[in-house]
C-alpha atoms as a PDB file:
ATOM      1  CA  MET A   1      -0.071   0.311  -0.524  1.00  0.00           C
ATOM      2  CA  PRO A   2       1.291   3.236  -0.246  1.00  0.00           C
ATOM      3  CA  CYS A   3       0.221   4.914   2.766  1.00  0.00           C
ATOM      4  CA  ALA A   4       2.557   2.685   4.733  1.00  0.00           C
ATOM      5  CA  HIS A   5       5.464   4.119   2.290  1.00  0.00           C
ATOM      6  CA  LEU A   6       4.430   7.387   2.592  1.00  0.00           C
ATOM      7  CA  LEU A   7       4.238   6.728   6.249  1.00  0.00           C
ATOM      8  CA  LEU A   8       7.645   5.416   6.984  1.00  0.00           C
ATOM      9  CA  ILE A   9       9.360   8.063   4.483  1.00  0.00           C
ATOM     10  CA  ALA A  10       7.529  10.771   6.291  1.00  0.00           C
ATOM     11  CA  SER A  11       8.120   9.385   9.761  1.00  0.00           C
ATOM     12  CA  ARG A  12      12.048   9.111   8.779  1.00  0.00           C
ATOM     13  CA  LEU A  13      11.593  12.661   7.360  1.00  0.00           C
ATOM     14  CA  VAL A  14      10.580  13.950  10.883  1.00  0.00           C
ATOM     15  CA  GLN A  15      13.362  12.154  12.501  1.00  0.00           C
ATOM     16  CA  LEU A  16      15.596  13.738  10.333  1.00  0.00           C
ATOM     17  CA  ALA A  17      14.324  17.305  10.528  1.00  0.00           C
ATOM     18  CA  SER A  18      13.675  16.885  14.471  1.00  0.00           C
ATOM     19  CA  ALA A  19      17.718  16.095  15.148  1.00  0.00           C
ATOM     20  CA  SER A  20      18.626  19.026  12.581  1.00  0.00           C
ATOM     21  CA  ILE A  21      16.239  21.233  14.997  1.00  0.00           C
ATOM     22  CA  PHE A  22      17.482  19.634  18.429  1.00  0.00           C
ATOM     23  CA  THR A  23      21.082  20.777  17.197  1.00  0.00           C
ATOM     24  CA  ALA A  24      20.146  23.990  16.460  1.00  0.00           C
ATOM     25  CA  LEU A  25      18.696  24.528  19.660  1.00  0.00           C
ATOM     26  CA  ILE A  26      21.516  22.543  21.695  1.00  0.00           C
ATOM     27  CA  PRO A  27      25.161  24.612  20.802  1.00  0.00           C
ATOM     28  CA  ASP A  28      27.361  21.336  21.156  1.00  0.00           C
ATOM     29  CA  LEU A  29      24.877  18.392  20.224  1.00  0.00           C
ATOM     30  CA  LEU A  30      26.140  16.964  16.991  1.00  0.00           C
ATOM     31  CA  PHE A  31      23.687  15.455  14.469  1.00  0.00           C
ATOM     32  CA  GLY A  32      24.487  11.727  15.195  1.00  0.00           C
ATOM     33  CA  PRO A  33      23.328  11.786  19.037  1.00  0.00           C
ATOM     34  CA  ALA A  34      20.752  13.786  18.094  1.00  0.00           C
ATOM     35  CA  LEU A  35      19.461  11.565  15.332  1.00  0.00           C
ATOM     36  CA  TYR A  36      19.832   8.860  17.518  1.00  0.00           C
ATOM     37  CA  HIS A  37      18.150  10.775  20.512  1.00  0.00           C
ATOM     38  CA  CYS A  38      14.932  11.245  17.656  1.00  0.00           C
ATOM     39  CA  PHE A  39      14.978   7.190  17.021  1.00  0.00           C
ATOM     40  CA  THR A  40      15.035   6.100  20.570  1.00  0.00           C
ATOM     41  CA  THR A  41      12.622   8.535  21.542  1.00  0.00           C
ATOM     42  CA  ALA A  42      10.302   7.949  18.641  1.00  0.00           C
ATOM     43  CA  THR A  43      10.193   4.209  19.657  1.00  0.00           C
ATOM     44  CA  THR A  44       9.468   5.053  23.198  1.00  0.00           C
ATOM     45  CA  VAL A  45      12.573   3.189  24.512  1.00  0.00           C
ATOM     46  CA  GLY A  46      13.969   6.885  25.335  1.00  0.00           C
ATOM     47  CA  TYR A  47      17.250   5.938  27.215  1.00  0.00           C
ATOM     48  CA  GLY A  48      18.017   9.917  28.295  1.00  0.00           C
ATOM     49  CA  ASP A  49      21.845   9.565  27.379  1.00  0.00           C
ATOM     50  CA  VAL A  50      21.491  12.542  25.243  1.00  0.00           C
ATOM     51  CA  PRO A  51      20.514  15.527  27.798  1.00  0.00           C
ATOM     52  CA  LEU A  52      18.323  18.301  26.464  1.00  0.00           C
ATOM     53  CA  THR A  53      20.475  21.137  28.369  1.00  0.00           C
ATOM     54  CA  THR A  54      17.895  23.794  27.066  1.00  0.00           C
ATOM     55  CA  PRO A  55      14.358  24.856  27.544  1.00  0.00           C
ATOM     56  CA  GLU A  56      13.671  25.978  23.759  1.00  0.00           C
ATOM     57  CA  ALA A  57      15.043  21.774  23.136  1.00  0.00           C
ATOM     58  CA  ARG A  58      12.827  20.363  26.029  1.00  0.00           C
ATOM     59  CA  LEU A  59       9.866  21.685  24.502  1.00  0.00           C
ATOM     60  CA  PHE A  60      10.615  21.152  20.955  1.00  0.00           C
ATOM     61  CA  ALA A  61      11.013  17.450  22.623  1.00  0.00           C
ATOM     62  CA  CYS A  62       7.422  17.411  23.940  1.00  0.00           C
ATOM     63  CA  LEU A  63       5.969  17.787  20.251  1.00  0.00           C
ATOM     64  CA  HIS A  64       8.528  15.707  18.969  1.00  0.00           C
ATOM     65  CA  ILE A  65       7.435  12.854  21.255  1.00  0.00           C
ATOM     66  CA  VAL A  66       3.761  13.485  20.352  1.00  0.00           C
ATOM     67  CA  VAL A  67       4.521  13.285  16.523  1.00  0.00           C
ATOM     68  CA  SER A  68       6.810  10.207  16.275  1.00  0.00           C
ATOM     69  CA  VAL A  69       4.588   8.528  18.524  1.00  0.00           C
ATOM     70  CA  SER A  70       1.728   9.222  16.778  1.00  0.00           C
ATOM     71  CA  TRP A  71       3.677   8.267  13.552  1.00  0.00           C
ATOM     72  CA  LEU A  72       5.355   4.917  14.666  1.00  0.00           C
ATOM     73  CA  ALA A  73       1.567   4.021  15.935  1.00  0.00           C
ATOM     74  CA  ALA A  74       0.140   4.816  12.560  1.00  0.00           C
ATOM     75  CA  LEU A  75       2.789   3.247  10.459  1.00  0.00           C
ATOM     76  CA  LEU A  76       2.652  -0.280  12.770  1.00  0.00           C
ATOM     77  CA  SER A  77      -1.294  -0.235  11.987  1.00  0.00           C
ATOM     78  CA  SER A  78      -0.490   0.343   8.535  1.00  0.00           C
ATOM     79  CA  VAL A  79       1.711  -2.807   8.435  1.00  0.00           C
ATOM     80  CA  ASP A  80      -1.139  -4.963  10.303  1.00  0.00           C
ATOM     81  CA  THR A  81      -3.635  -3.967   7.989  1.00  0.00           C
ATOM     82  CA  LEU A  82      -1.322  -5.130   4.990  1.00  0.00           C
ATOM     83  CA  ARG A  83      -0.559  -8.432   6.923  1.00  0.00           C
ATOM     84  CA  THR A  84      -4.591  -9.147   7.412  1.00  0.00           C
ATOM     85  CA  LYS A  85      -5.215  -7.928   3.926  1.00  0.00           C
ATOM     86  CA  ARG A  86      -2.245 -10.590   2.526  1.00  0.00           C
ATOM     87  CA  GLU A  87      -3.720 -13.333   5.471  1.00  0.00           C
ATOM     88  CA  SER A  88      -7.084 -13.208   3.970  1.00  0.00           C
ATOM     89  CA  GLN A  89      -6.051 -13.182   0.074  1.00  0.00           C
ATOM     90  CA  LEU A  90      -3.721 -16.541   0.961  1.00  0.00           C
ATOM     91  CA  GLU A  91      -7.035 -18.105   2.465  1.00  0.00           C
ATOM     92  CA  ARG A  92      -9.226 -17.386  -0.300  1.00  0.00           C
ATOM     93  CA  GLY A  93      -6.726 -18.245  -2.997  1.00  0.00           C
END
């Protein structure tokens, strides 16, 4: 389904953009650790080993968490829908 592909692409773009925003908000944070933080946060693991040291970064993190976790849930839901559809096709076929 194109929807699952679009969700996957969009979620990756959100992570890349968020990592860029975090590097702009925290002067000594490099892009690699920022991207690592974004992916661990999006998967709700959130180890806490990348500290968000500015109030602006913490505020943006709230938005990032809501968007990232929501999109990940939507992506997983669309994958499950595809799985269910494929199972029904195999049973008929």
